[in-house]
Amino acid sequence: MTSADTIDLFSSDLMRVRIVEWQAPGPAAKAAVAMSGMEAMLALRDGKLPPPPMAKRFPHERGRTGADRDGTRPA
């Protein structure tokens, strides 16, 4: 008998729920269509366009990327 046999894997105590909210993409796409790619990225950064749903799923520091300008990764 394994430990999985002794616990209820569908128990409500083991349930996790995550709610993701986002704006409808149509209006944002219409607003971005007249922008260059860089302008659209800056509008996202500056809050002029709503972020995509996945952007809220991952914590990040505003203005930071995965690598610093010199190509090194932050510690």
C-alpha atoms as a PDB file:
ATOM      1  CA  MET A   1       0.000   0.000   0.000  1.00  0.00           C
ATOM      2  CA  THR A   2       1.367   3.416  -0.926  1.00  0.00           C
ATOM      3  CA  SER A   3       0.837   6.653   0.923  1.00  0.00           C
ATOM      4  CA  ALA A   4      -1.487   7.753  -1.920  1.00  0.00           C
ATOM      5  CA  ASP A   5      -3.825   4.906  -0.949  1.00  0.00           C
ATOM      6  CA  THR A   6      -4.183   6.207   2.602  1.00  0.00           C
ATOM      7  CA  ILE A   7      -5.158   9.814   1.846  1.00  0.00           C
ATOM      8  CA  ASP A   8      -8.097  11.212  -0.064  1.00  0.00           C
ATOM      9  CA  LEU A   9      -6.457  12.911  -3.047  1.00  0.00           C
ATOM     10  CA  PHE A  10      -9.707  14.732  -3.811  1.00  0.00           C
ATOM     11  CA  SER A  11     -10.221  16.101  -0.298  1.00  0.00           C
ATOM     12  CA  SER A  12     -11.406  19.701  -0.080  1.00  0.00           C
ATOM     13  CA  ASP A  13      -8.483  20.297   2.294  1.00  0.00           C
ATOM     14  CA  LEU A  14      -6.123  19.704  -0.645  1.00  0.00           C
ATOM     15  CA  MET A  15      -8.056  21.927  -3.068  1.00  0.00           C
ATOM     16  CA  ARG A  16      -6.347  25.096  -4.310  1.00  0.00           C
ATOM     17  CA  VAL A  17      -8.116  27.840  -6.262  1.00  0.00           C
ATOM     18  CA  ARG A  18      -6.641  30.723  -8.198  1.00  0.00           C
ATOM     19  CA  ILE A  19      -8.776  33.408  -9.821  1.00  0.00           C
ATOM     20  CA  VAL A  20      -7.347  35.349 -12.751  1.00  0.00           C
ATOM     21  CA  GLU A  21      -9.024  38.557 -13.881  1.00  0.00           C
ATOM     22  CA  TRP A  22      -8.288  40.368 -17.127  1.00  0.00           C
ATOM     23  CA  GLN A  23      -9.644  42.941 -19.518  1.00  0.00           C
ATOM     24  CA  ALA A  24     -11.264  41.928 -22.808  1.00  0.00           C
ATOM     25  CA  PRO A  25      -8.462  41.896 -25.408  1.00  0.00           C
ATOM     26  CA  GLY A  26     -10.434  43.490 -28.280  1.00  0.00           C
ATOM     27  CA  PRO A  27     -10.361  47.144 -27.156  1.00  0.00           C
ATOM     28  CA  ALA A  28      -6.685  46.921 -26.173  1.00  0.00           C
ATOM     29  CA  ALA A  29      -5.816  45.376 -29.544  1.00  0.00           C
ATOM     30  CA  LYS A  30      -7.677  48.154 -31.357  1.00  0.00           C
ATOM     31  CA  ALA A  31      -5.782  50.766 -29.349  1.00  0.00           C
ATOM     32  CA  ALA A  32      -2.436  49.065 -30.001  1.00  0.00           C
ATOM     33  CA  VAL A  33      -2.902  48.533 -33.741  1.00  0.00           C
ATOM     34  CA  ALA A  34      -1.828  52.109 -34.499  1.00  0.00           C
ATOM     35  CA  MET A  35       1.309  51.770 -32.337  1.00  0.00           C
ATOM     36  CA  SER A  36       4.722  50.404 -33.191  1.00  0.00           C
ATOM     37  CA  GLY A  37       5.820  47.352 -31.215  1.00  0.00           C
ATOM     38  CA  MET A  38       7.979  49.508 -28.943  1.00  0.00           C
ATOM     39  CA  GLU A  39       5.140  51.975 -28.356  1.00  0.00           C
ATOM     40  CA  ALA A  40       2.833  49.100 -27.425  1.00  0.00           C
ATOM     41  CA  MET A  41       5.399  47.661 -24.980  1.00  0.00           C
ATOM     42  CA  LEU A  42       5.884  51.086 -23.396  1.00  0.00           C
ATOM     43  CA  ALA A  43       2.094  51.545 -23.175  1.00  0.00           C
ATOM     44  CA  LEU A  44       1.861  48.207 -21.345  1.00  0.00           C
ATOM     45  CA  ARG A  45       4.691  49.201 -19.022  1.00  0.00           C
ATOM     46  CA  ASP A  46       3.172  52.621 -18.317  1.00  0.00           C
ATOM     47  CA  GLY A  47      -0.336  51.262 -17.696  1.00  0.00           C
ATOM     48  CA  LYS A  48      -1.878  52.835 -20.804  1.00  0.00           C
ATOM     49  CA  LEU A  49      -2.777  49.365 -22.095  1.00  0.00           C
ATOM     50  CA  PRO A  50      -3.983  46.576 -19.800  1.00  0.00           C
ATOM     51  CA  PRO A  51      -1.498  43.746 -19.243  1.00  0.00           C
ATOM     52  CA  PRO A  52      -2.129  40.275 -20.688  1.00  0.00           C
ATOM     53  CA  PRO A  53      -3.605  37.787 -18.196  1.00  0.00           C
ATOM     54  CA  MET A  54      -0.332  35.859 -17.800  1.00  0.00           C
ATOM     55  CA  ALA A  55       1.500  39.015 -16.711  1.00  0.00           C
ATOM     56  CA  LYS A  56      -0.430  38.992 -13.437  1.00  0.00           C
ATOM     57  CA  ARG A  57       0.454  35.343 -12.758  1.00  0.00           C
ATOM     58  CA  PHE A  58       4.153  35.954 -12.259  1.00  0.00           C
ATOM     59  CA  PRO A  59       5.594  38.396  -9.721  1.00  0.00           C
ATOM     60  CA  HIS A  60       8.047  40.870 -11.162  1.00  0.00           C
ATOM     61  CA  GLU A  61       9.801  44.092 -10.379  1.00  0.00           C
ATOM     62  CA  ARG A  62       8.614  46.981 -12.480  1.00  0.00           C
ATOM     63  CA  GLY A  63      11.208  47.968 -15.031  1.00  0.00           C
ATOM     64  CA  ARG A  64      13.350  44.824 -14.557  1.00  0.00           C
ATOM     65  CA  THR A  65      14.040  42.161 -17.112  1.00  0.00           C
ATOM     66  CA  GLY A  66      15.615  38.764 -16.694  1.00  0.00           C
ATOM     67  CA  ALA A  67      19.063  40.183 -17.451  1.00  0.00           C
ATOM     68  CA  ASP A  68      20.728  43.467 -16.649  1.00  0.00           C
ATOM     69  CA  ARG A  69      21.854  45.754 -19.462  1.00  0.00           C
ATOM     70  CA  ASP A  70      25.333  44.226 -19.447  1.00  0.00           C
ATOM     71  CA  GLY A  71      23.827  40.764 -20.030  1.00  0.00           C
ATOM     72  CA  THR A  72      24.432  39.408 -16.532  1.00  0.00           C
ATOM     73  CA  ARG A  73      21.630  37.837 -14.595  1.00  0.00           C
ATOM     74  CA  PRO A  74      20.612  39.339 -11.256  1.00  0.00           C
ATOM     75  CA  ALA A  75      21.635  37.379  -8.176  1.00  0.00           C
END
